[in-house]
Structures are given as C-alpha cells and as structure tokens.
Protein backbone atom coordinates (compact mmCIF):
# COMPACT_ATOMS: atom_id res chain seq x y z
CA UNK A 1 0.00 0.00 0.00
CA UNK A 2 1.20 3.52 -0.76
CA UNK A 3 1.41 6.16 1.97
CA UNK A 4 -1.87 7.67 0.74
CA UNK A 5 -3.71 4.40 1.24
CA UNK A 6 -3.10 4.00 4.93
CA UNK A 7 -6.22 5.61 6.42
CA UNK A 8 -8.35 3.34 8.55
CA UNK A 9 -11.67 3.61 10.34
CA UNK A 10 -11.89 1.20 13.27
CA UNK A 11 -15.47 0.94 14.53
CA UNK A 12 -15.58 -0.29 18.11
CA UNK A 13 -12.01 0.98 18.37
CA UNK A 14 -12.15 1.44 22.16
CA UNK A 15 -13.00 -2.23 22.71
CA UNK A 16 -10.84 -5.27 23.33
CA UNK A 17 -10.05 -6.17 19.71
CA UNK A 18 -10.60 -2.77 18.14
CA UNK A 19 -8.15 -0.97 20.43
CA UNK A 20 -5.41 -3.50 19.71
CA UNK A 21 -6.01 -3.12 15.95
CA UNK A 22 -5.72 0.67 16.41
CA UNK A 23 -2.40 0.35 18.25
CA UNK A 24 -0.98 -2.02 15.63
CA UNK A 25 -2.06 0.18 12.68
CA UNK A 26 -0.53 3.26 14.29
CA UNK A 27 2.75 1.39 14.84
CA UNK A 28 2.67 0.44 11.16
CA UNK A 29 2.32 4.11 10.12
CA UNK A 30 -1.41 4.24 9.35
CA UNK A 31 -3.68 7.21 10.10
CA UNK A 32 -6.53 5.94 12.28
CA UNK A 33 -10.01 7.18 13.17
CA UNK A 34 -11.99 5.44 15.91
CA UNK A 35 -15.77 5.36 16.14
CA UNK A 36 -17.09 3.89 19.41
CA UNK A 37 -20.29 4.46 21.38
CA UNK A 38 -18.61 3.52 24.69
CA UNK A 39 -21.39 1.00 25.47
CA UNK A 40 -21.91 1.33 29.27
CA UNK A 41 -22.19 -2.47 29.65
CA UNK A 42 -18.55 -2.70 28.54
CA UNK A 43 -17.14 0.74 29.36
CA UNK A 44 -18.65 1.40 32.78
CA UNK A 45 -16.32 4.35 33.44
CA UNK A 46 -16.59 6.00 30.03
CA UNK A 47 -13.74 6.34 27.57
CA UNK A 48 -10.96 3.98 28.70
CA UNK A 49 -7.41 5.20 29.34
CA UNK A 50 -6.00 2.84 26.72
CA UNK A 51 -7.63 4.62 23.76
CA UNK A 52 -4.57 5.66 21.75
CA UNK A 53 -4.22 9.47 21.71
CA UNK A 54 -2.52 9.26 18.30
CA UNK A 55 -5.87 8.19 16.76
CA UNK A 56 -8.78 10.53 16.07
CA UNK A 57 -11.62 9.52 18.44
CA UNK A 58 -15.31 10.01 17.75
CA UNK A 59 -18.07 8.88 20.06
CA UNK A 60 -21.24 7.76 18.31
CA UNK A 61 -23.54 4.92 17.29
CA UNK A 62 -22.89 2.84 14.18
CA UNK A 63 -26.63 2.72 13.52
CA UNK A 64 -26.82 6.54 13.25
CA UNK A 65 -26.70 7.49 9.56
CA UNK A 66 -25.01 10.88 9.83
CA UNK A 67 -22.45 9.62 12.37
CA UNK A 68 -21.41 6.84 10.01
CA UNK A 69 -21.44 9.02 6.92
CA UNK A 70 -18.99 11.51 8.44
CA UNK A 71 -16.83 8.80 10.07
CA UNK A 72 -16.34 7.15 6.66
CA UNK A 73 -15.01 10.30 4.93
CA UNK A 74 -11.47 9.94 3.51
CA UNK A 75 -11.10 6.32 4.65
CA UNK A 76 -9.32 3.58 2.71
CA UNK A 77 -9.90 0.53 4.92
CA UNK A 78 -12.74 -0.09 7.36
CA UNK A 79 -12.15 -2.51 10.24
CA UNK A 80 -15.73 -3.05 11.37
CA UNK A 81 -15.39 -4.35 14.94
CA UNK A 82 -18.37 -2.58 16.53
CA UNK A 83 -21.05 -5.01 17.66
CA UNK A 84 -23.36 -5.67 20.54
CA UNK A 85 -22.15 -8.99 21.95
CA UNK A 86 -22.47 -11.79 24.44
CA UNK A 87 -25.33 -13.79 25.98
CA UNK A 88 -27.86 -11.04 26.63
CA UNK A 89 -31.65 -10.93 26.59
CA UNK A 90 -32.06 -8.04 24.11
CA UNK A 91 -33.08 -9.07 20.61
CA UNK A 92 -33.93 -5.80 18.87
CA UNK A 93 -30.68 -4.13 19.97
CA UNK A 94 -28.55 -6.92 18.49
CA UNK A 95 -30.36 -6.60 15.17
CA UNK A 96 -30.26 -2.79 15.20
CA UNK A 97 -26.56 -2.45 16.00
CA UNK A 98 -25.11 -5.51 14.27
CA UNK A 99 -27.35 -6.27 11.30
CA UNK A 100 -28.90 -2.90 10.47
CA UNK A 101 -25.77 -0.92 11.42
CA UNK A 102 -23.65 -2.99 9.05
CA UNK A 103 -26.16 -2.88 6.17
CA UNK A 104 -26.51 0.89 6.49
CA UNK A 105 -22.71 1.39 6.62
CA UNK A 106 -22.34 -0.55 3.35
CA UNK A 107 -25.14 1.50 1.74
CA UNK A 108 -23.43 4.75 2.77
CA UNK A 109 -20.11 3.68 1.20
CA UNK A 110 -21.90 2.64 -2.01
CA UNK A 111 -24.44 5.48 -2.31
CA UNK A 112 -21.94 8.26 -1.54
CA UNK A 113 -19.34 6.63 -3.78
CA UNK A 114 -16.77 6.81 -0.99
CA UNK A 115 -13.19 5.78 -1.85
CA UNK A 116 -13.13 2.82 0.58
CA UNK A 117 -10.79 0.18 -0.83
CA UNK A 118 -11.50 -2.65 1.61
CA UNK A 119 -13.86 -3.67 4.39
CA UNK A 120 -12.75 -6.20 7.02
CA UNK A 121 -15.64 -7.30 9.25
CA UNK A 122 -15.46 -9.02 12.62
CA UNK A 123 -17.41 -12.23 12.29
CA UNK A 124 -17.33 -15.02 14.85
CA UNK A 125 -17.02 -18.76 15.35
CA UNK A 126 -20.57 -18.36 16.69
CA UNK A 127 -21.73 -18.63 13.04
CA UNK A 128 -21.14 -22.39 13.29
CA UNK A 129 -24.04 -24.30 14.81
CA UNK A 130 -21.62 -26.82 16.29
CA UNK A 131 -17.98 -27.57 15.60
CA UNK A 132 -16.96 -30.24 13.10
CA UNK A 133 -16.74 -33.75 14.54
CA UNK A 134 -15.55 -37.26 13.83
CA UNK A 135 -17.89 -40.21 14.20
CA UNK A 136 -16.30 -43.67 14.80
CA UNK A 137 -18.45 -44.99 11.94
CA UNK A 138 -19.14 -42.07 9.59
CA UNK A 139 -15.90 -40.08 9.82
CA UNK A 140 -16.04 -36.26 9.39
CA UNK A 141 -19.59 -35.10 10.14
CA UNK A 142 -21.32 -31.77 10.70
CA UNK A 143 -23.36 -32.26 13.87
CA UNK A 144 -26.65 -30.53 14.48
CA UNK A 145 -27.28 -28.24 17.40
CA UNK A 146 -27.83 -30.28 20.55
CA UNK A 147 -31.56 -30.13 21.41
CA UNK A 148 -32.51 -28.49 24.72
CA UNK A 149 -34.31 -31.73 25.75
CA UNK A 150 -31.01 -33.64 25.41
CA UNK A 151 -29.23 -31.05 27.57
CA UNK A 152 -32.05 -31.03 30.14
CA UNK A 153 -31.55 -34.80 30.43
CA UNK A 154 -27.89 -34.15 31.32
CA UNK A 155 -26.48 -35.52 28.06
CA UNK A 156 -23.98 -32.92 26.85
CA UNK A 157 -22.20 -34.97 24.19
CA UNK A 158 -22.36 -34.20 20.48
CA UNK A 159 -24.01 -37.02 18.55
CA UNK A 160 -23.44 -38.10 14.96
CA UNK A 161 -26.32 -36.74 12.79
CA UNK A 162 -26.34 -40.07 10.88
CA UNK A 163 -26.14 -42.80 13.54
CA UNK A 164 -26.49 -40.93 16.82
CA UNK A 165 -23.21 -42.15 18.33
CA UNK A 166 -21.06 -39.83 20.41
CA UNK A 167 -18.46 -37.97 18.33
CA UNK A 168 -15.02 -36.48 18.83
CA UNK A 169 -14.31 -32.80 18.08
CA UNK A 170 -12.00 -31.99 15.13
CA UNK A 171 -10.84 -28.65 13.67
CA UNK A 172 -13.68 -26.79 11.95
CA UNK A 173 -12.95 -25.50 8.42
CA UNK A 174 -14.69 -22.44 6.93
CA UNK A 175 -16.78 -24.65 4.60
CA UNK A 176 -18.65 -26.08 7.60
CA UNK A 177 -22.34 -25.13 7.33
CA UNK A 178 -23.50 -22.77 10.06
CA UNK A 179 -26.66 -21.05 11.07
CA UNK A 180 -26.39 -18.94 14.17
CA UNK A 181 -28.15 -20.53 17.12
CA UNK A 182 -28.36 -17.46 19.39
CA UNK A 183 -29.59 -13.96 18.51
CA UNK A 184 -26.01 -12.68 18.68
CA UNK A 185 -24.79 -15.47 16.38
CA UNK A 186 -27.64 -14.81 13.95
CA UNK A 187 -26.57 -11.16 13.65
CA UNK A 188 -22.95 -12.22 13.15
CA UNK A 189 -24.12 -14.38 10.23
CA UNK A 190 -25.95 -11.27 8.95
CA UNK A 191 -22.87 -9.05 9.25
CA UNK A 192 -20.61 -11.53 7.53
CA UNK A 193 -22.97 -12.34 4.68
CA UNK A 194 -23.96 -8.71 4.11
CA UNK A 195 -20.32 -7.64 3.82
CA UNK A 196 -19.25 -10.50 1.53
CA UNK A 197 -22.36 -10.14 -0.66
CA UNK A 198 -21.92 -6.36 -0.94
CA UNK A 199 -18.26 -6.88 -1.84
CA UNK A 200 -19.27 -9.11 -4.75
CA UNK A 201 -21.89 -6.57 -5.92
CA UNK A 202 -19.68 -3.50 -5.68
CA UNK A 203 -16.30 -5.03 -6.53
CA UNK A 204 -14.84 -3.61 -3.32
CA UNK A 205 -12.65 -6.23 -1.58
CA UNK A 206 -14.06 -7.61 1.67
CA UNK A 207 -12.98 -10.21 4.23
CA UNK A 208 -14.96 -11.69 7.13
CA UNK A 209 -12.76 -12.83 10.01
CA UNK A 210 -14.38 -15.53 12.12
CA UNK A 211 -12.75 -14.90 15.49
CA UNK A 212 -12.46 -17.67 18.01
CA UNK A 213 -12.83 -16.76 21.73
CA UNK A 214 -10.65 -13.68 22.07
CA UNK A 215 -9.17 -12.55 25.38
CA UNK A 216 -6.40 -10.42 26.79
CA UNK A 217 -5.68 -7.05 28.40
CA UNK A 218 -8.60 -4.57 28.06
CA UNK A 219 -11.26 -7.27 28.08
CA UNK A 220 -14.07 -5.69 30.05
CA UNK A 221 -14.24 -6.73 33.70
CA UNK A 222 -17.68 -5.10 33.97
CA UNK A 223 -19.65 -7.12 31.45
CA UNK A 224 -21.11 -10.25 33.09
CA UNK A 225 -22.25 -11.69 29.75
CA UNK A 226 -19.08 -11.87 27.68
CA UNK A 227 -15.67 -13.39 28.11
CA UNK A 228 -15.37 -16.60 30.11
CA UNK A 229 -11.79 -15.70 31.08
CA UNK A 230 -12.80 -12.28 32.45
CA UNK A 231 -15.72 -13.83 34.35
CA UNK A 232 -13.55 -16.59 35.85
CA UNK A 233 -10.87 -14.08 36.85
CA UNK A 234 -13.30 -11.77 38.64
CA UNK A 235 -14.94 -14.72 40.44
CA UNK A 236 -11.58 -16.10 41.62
CA UNK A 237 -10.25 -12.67 42.63
CA UNK A 238 -13.36 -12.15 44.78
CA UNK A 239 -12.88 -15.56 46.44
CA UNK A 240 -15.74 -17.32 44.65
CA UNK A 241 -15.92 -20.47 42.59
CA UNK A 242 -15.95 -20.05 38.82
CA UNK A 243 -19.32 -21.30 37.57
CA UNK A 244 -19.15 -23.76 34.68
CA UNK A 245 -22.12 -24.62 32.54
CA UNK A 246 -22.77 -28.24 31.55
CA UNK A 247 -19.94 -30.36 33.02
CA UNK A 248 -17.08 -28.02 32.16
CA UNK A 249 -16.00 -30.30 29.33
CA UNK A 250 -16.89 -27.78 26.60
CA UNK A 251 -13.80 -26.83 24.63
CA UNK A 252 -12.94 -23.45 23.19
CA UNK A 253 -10.29 -22.17 20.84
CA UNK A 254 -8.93 -19.30 22.95
CA UNK A 255 -6.93 -16.72 21.03
CA UNK A 256 -4.87 -13.87 22.45
CA UNK A 257 -6.05 -10.44 21.28
CA UNK A 258 -2.71 -9.39 19.76
CA UNK A 259 -2.83 -12.45 17.47
CA UNK A 260 -6.34 -11.41 16.36
CA UNK A 261 -5.16 -7.83 15.67
CA UNK A 262 -2.27 -9.10 13.57
CA UNK A 263 -4.69 -11.22 11.51
CA UNK A 264 -6.65 -8.05 10.69
CA UNK A 265 -3.52 -6.28 9.44
CA UNK A 266 -2.52 -9.31 7.36
CA UNK A 267 -5.85 -9.61 5.52
CA UNK A 268 -5.99 -5.83 5.02
CA UNK A 269 -2.63 -5.78 3.25
CA UNK A 270 -3.04 -8.75 0.88
CA UNK A 271 -5.68 -9.62 -1.69
CA UNK A 272 -5.20 -13.38 -1.31
CA UNK A 273 -8.23 -13.93 0.95
CA UNK A 274 -10.57 -11.28 -0.50
CA UNK A 275 -14.22 -12.28 -0.64
CA UNK A 276 -13.81 -15.09 1.87
CA UNK A 277 -14.80 -15.97 5.43
CA UNK A 278 -11.58 -16.71 7.32
CA UNK A 279 -11.16 -18.48 10.68
CA UNK A 280 -8.77 -16.81 13.13
CA UNK A 281 -7.82 -18.66 16.29
CA UNK A 282 -5.09 -20.57 18.06
CA UNK A 283 -5.97 -23.91 16.45
CA UNK A 284 -5.86 -25.44 19.92
CA UNK A 285 -8.71 -26.63 22.16
CA UNK A 286 -8.92 -25.79 25.87
CA UNK A 287 -11.70 -27.16 28.07
CA UNK A 288 -13.59 -24.76 30.32
CA UNK A 289 -12.53 -26.80 33.37
CA UNK A 290 -8.84 -26.71 32.37
CA UNK A 291 -9.16 -22.98 31.76
CA UNK A 292 -10.56 -22.42 35.28
CA UNK A 293 -7.65 -24.43 36.72
CA UNK A 294 -5.01 -22.52 34.70
CA UNK A 295 -6.43 -19.20 35.93
CA UNK A 296 -6.64 -20.38 39.56
CA UNK A 297 -3.03 -21.63 39.42
CA UNK A 298 -1.78 -18.34 37.97
CA UNK A 299 -3.66 -16.40 40.63
CA UNK A 300 -2.27 -18.70 43.31
CA UNK A 301 -5.71 -19.60 44.68
CA UNK A 302 -7.06 -23.07 45.40
CA UNK A 303 -10.70 -22.73 44.46
CA UNK A 304 -12.35 -25.52 42.48
CA UNK A 305 -14.72 -24.61 39.64
CA UNK A 306 -18.39 -25.38 40.22
CA UNK A 307 -20.76 -27.16 37.81
CA UNK A 308 -24.30 -27.09 39.14
CA UNK A 309 -26.24 -28.74 36.37
CA UNK A 310 -26.99 -25.69 34.25
CA UNK A 311 -26.65 -25.10 30.53
CA UNK A 312 -27.22 -22.41 27.90
CA UNK A 313 -29.42 -23.54 24.98
CA UNK A 314 -27.70 -22.85 21.67
CA UNK A 315 -24.19 -23.02 23.09
CA UNK A 316 -21.56 -24.80 21.01
CA UNK A 317 -20.06 -27.80 22.82
CA UNK A 318 -16.68 -28.01 21.12
CA UNK A 319 -15.03 -25.78 18.60
CA UNK A 320 -11.45 -25.72 17.37
CA UNK A 321 -10.80 -23.39 14.43
CA UNK A 322 -9.10 -24.89 11.41
CA UNK A 323 -6.69 -22.01 10.68
CA UNK A 324 -5.02 -23.43 7.57
CA UNK A 325 -6.65 -20.77 5.33
CA UNK A 326 -5.20 -17.79 7.22
CA UNK A 327 -1.87 -19.57 7.58
CA UNK A 328 -1.49 -19.19 3.79
CA UNK A 329 -0.84 -15.46 4.30
CA UNK A 330 1.68 -15.92 7.09
CA UNK A 331 -0.55 -15.88 10.18
CA UNK A 332 0.72 -17.90 13.11
CA UNK A 333 -0.64 -17.65 16.68
CA UNK A 334 2.21 -16.48 18.89
CA UNK A 335 0.82 -16.51 22.42
CA UNK A 336 0.02 -19.69 24.37
CA UNK A 337 -2.97 -19.79 26.72
CA UNK A 338 -0.62 -19.84 29.74
CA UNK A 339 1.32 -16.77 28.50
CA UNK A 340 -1.87 -14.96 27.54
CA UNK A 341 -3.61 -15.58 30.87
CA UNK A 342 -0.49 -14.38 32.74
CA UNK A 343 -0.52 -11.15 30.73
CA UNK A 344 -4.25 -10.66 31.29
CA UNK A 345 -3.93 -11.18 35.04
CA UNK A 346 -1.02 -8.70 35.18
CA UNK A 347 -3.29 -6.18 33.49
CA UNK A 348 -6.25 -6.88 35.83
CA UNK A 349 -4.01 -6.14 38.80
CA UNK A 350 -3.54 -2.59 37.46
CA UNK A 351 -7.30 -1.98 37.26
CA UNK A 352 -8.12 -1.34 40.91
CA UNK A 353 -10.75 -3.23 42.96
CA UNK A 354 -12.54 -6.04 41.14
CA UNK A 355 -16.23 -6.90 41.63
CA UNK A 356 -18.22 -10.00 40.70
CA UNK A 357 -20.71 -8.62 38.16
CA UNK A 358 -21.59 -12.12 36.97
CA UNK A 359 -23.24 -13.06 40.29
CA UNK A 360 -25.60 -10.08 40.07
CA UNK A 361 -26.62 -10.88 36.49
CA UNK A 362 -27.31 -14.57 36.96
CA UNK A 363 -30.91 -14.35 38.18
CA UNK A 364 -31.90 -12.30 35.13
CA UNK A 365 -30.32 -14.83 32.76
CA UNK A 366 -32.29 -17.65 34.41
CA UNK A 367 -35.56 -15.70 34.38
CA UNK A 368 -35.25 -15.15 30.61
CA UNK A 369 -34.35 -18.78 29.87
CA UNK A 370 -30.82 -17.96 28.69
CA UNK A 371 -29.51 -20.26 31.42
CA UNK A 372 -31.52 -23.43 32.14
CA UNK A 373 -31.24 -26.38 34.51
CA UNK A 374 -30.79 -30.10 33.99
CA UNK A 375 -33.75 -32.09 35.28
CA UNK A 376 -32.68 -33.73 38.51
C-alpha cells in the first residue's frame, strides 16, 4: 500500500479487539479514526485510558446514519469491529446495532461513492451451529445443534447426525455449514454475509474474520455476559468459585487479542483472501474446566470450579478453528494460553478493585431462559 492508502476507520475501536487493531495500525504508520459508542455495559467508566491518543476519536452509534457518513469520509480501509455482543436478553438491539448498522454502513459507502478500498468485518465462530466432529463410523460429520431436551436430560455430548453415536471434536474449516443458534450469532451471520455479498456486488474487496474466543488485556471486567476468562478471573479474585455450565468439558479455541489484531492487518494488506470468510484462532482446544484451573493456578488460589447442572441452549459444545486458510498469508498464533492468561492477570491487577458482576446478572439470565437447569 502507498502512503496515501493507509487511512483506517476502526469501529468499536475502544473495545478489546478494536483498540489492539488501532495500536498495531498506528505502529505500522497508518492514520486511524476510531468510532465507538462507549457502550456502558462494557465501558462502565466512560472512555478507557488505553484509547490511543494518536488516533482521532469520535463517540457515536454505528446505527446513526449521519455519524457513520462523516466517520467514513477519507477512509481507505474499514475494520468493522463494533457489535453488541455476548449472551444477553435483548433481541432488537442486536439486530439494530449488528445487522442494520452494518447494512446501512455498506449502503453509505456505495451510495456516496466513498473511496473505501477494503472492508474487514469481525465475524465469529458463533456462526457455526456446532464444531466439526468425527464419528467412529461415519468419519467427518457436521453435527446438528444439541436439542434443549437432550441437555435437560444431562447428556452434553455431540451425537453423529447419521447414527447418533457420540463424536469427537475436530478442527472446523470455513466450509462447515452454520446457522447462528443465538440472537447474537444470527446477527454475526448477517454481518458476515452482508459484507461478503456487498463486496461481490460492488467489486470492493471484503474479508470476514471468524474470530475464536478472544481474550487479553482490556477485556471488560464489567460485562457479566461476555468473556469466560474475564468472568472466571473476577470470580476467583473475589474468592468465589468459577461457575461452569454443563460439566465443564466444553472446549474453546482461545486466542490472544494481539494475534487477532495481527490477523486483521494481514488480511488488510493482501488480496489473497478477498471475498472469503476466514477463521482466526489458536488452532488449539482448551476445556472450560482446564481454563478455570489454569487461571486459579496463575492467581495462586485453590478454588475448584463449580458445575451445578446448568446449561445455555444454543451453546456450542466443542469448537477448534481450522486455521489453515489464514496460515497461507503468514498468520501464526504467537501466544500460548498460559502466557496470555499471565498477561491478562497482570493487566487486571492494574485496574483497581474487582467486583463479581456475573453473580448479580445470573438471576436475570435464568428468568429469561438464557440459562436453564438439567432435570434432577
């Protein structure tokens, strides 16, 4: 890219991933504009101290037409990270911010003939209904979402869609059919498909990055609905047991935020993956129970995680990202879960007193059916 082409808009640029993308772009010599609404659920104390002063900062909503129109002026690459996230009861807000906000942004770029040369959108592994699996009899299969009745009966395993036998989790490639089994996931499917479809129609290059579970410094300690690592840390630091859903055997591909930021820069500066959905993760599975134990060990506390027979309908049981596609452009995860957790905990210790926001939110999640119980 020439010097002239290095002007980025990072929506959600005060958030966990967005702020790390901002820092990386600035280090690489880009000019950066941030648009962020400072969602109180995430940014309880307003604009965070880590927002890079070398970037232009604008506070506003992505769903507001005029805010977006002005934010997009003189921009070459849009990193669209802004989204309403997590396991929350709102439906209309997810659709307004994520689906409508993205569609309107694309319309503005097209209708005002803006000189945007690329759009990179934050998609999610949540677009998969369930991770790919291997059946002892039928080999590589694409399991269906586990029915709530099965979970209520205390059976958490993923069954082969052909013969019903229990399966083993294997890395999930981008070609795996998905659907979006929560409202959040549905809007992530919307964002991804809108961007890729619009790219084909307009000829403007687009990439949808399907992030695995991202964590690291700046992950909100105030939001009780997002970030299992943040929730476990705040529980353990306040002397309480981390609460695991199901039996704690769910596995996640946990990816350090700086690796995710680097993936954004890589796809923005090559045309090799244009028009594609692209998994970004560590390529490694960590169970929720192991995660709780790693965090407890790093904090030096001996508190066992607690599974009390609860589950979240629509939750993926096991997902490891197949990252061979992004590896073709030189991406390689550089931070292990142990290193990443240590860095996150170091950061938490600089953030002052920690409260357990999760405990206060739990009753509301149960009342709305987002968390349910196994029949005893």
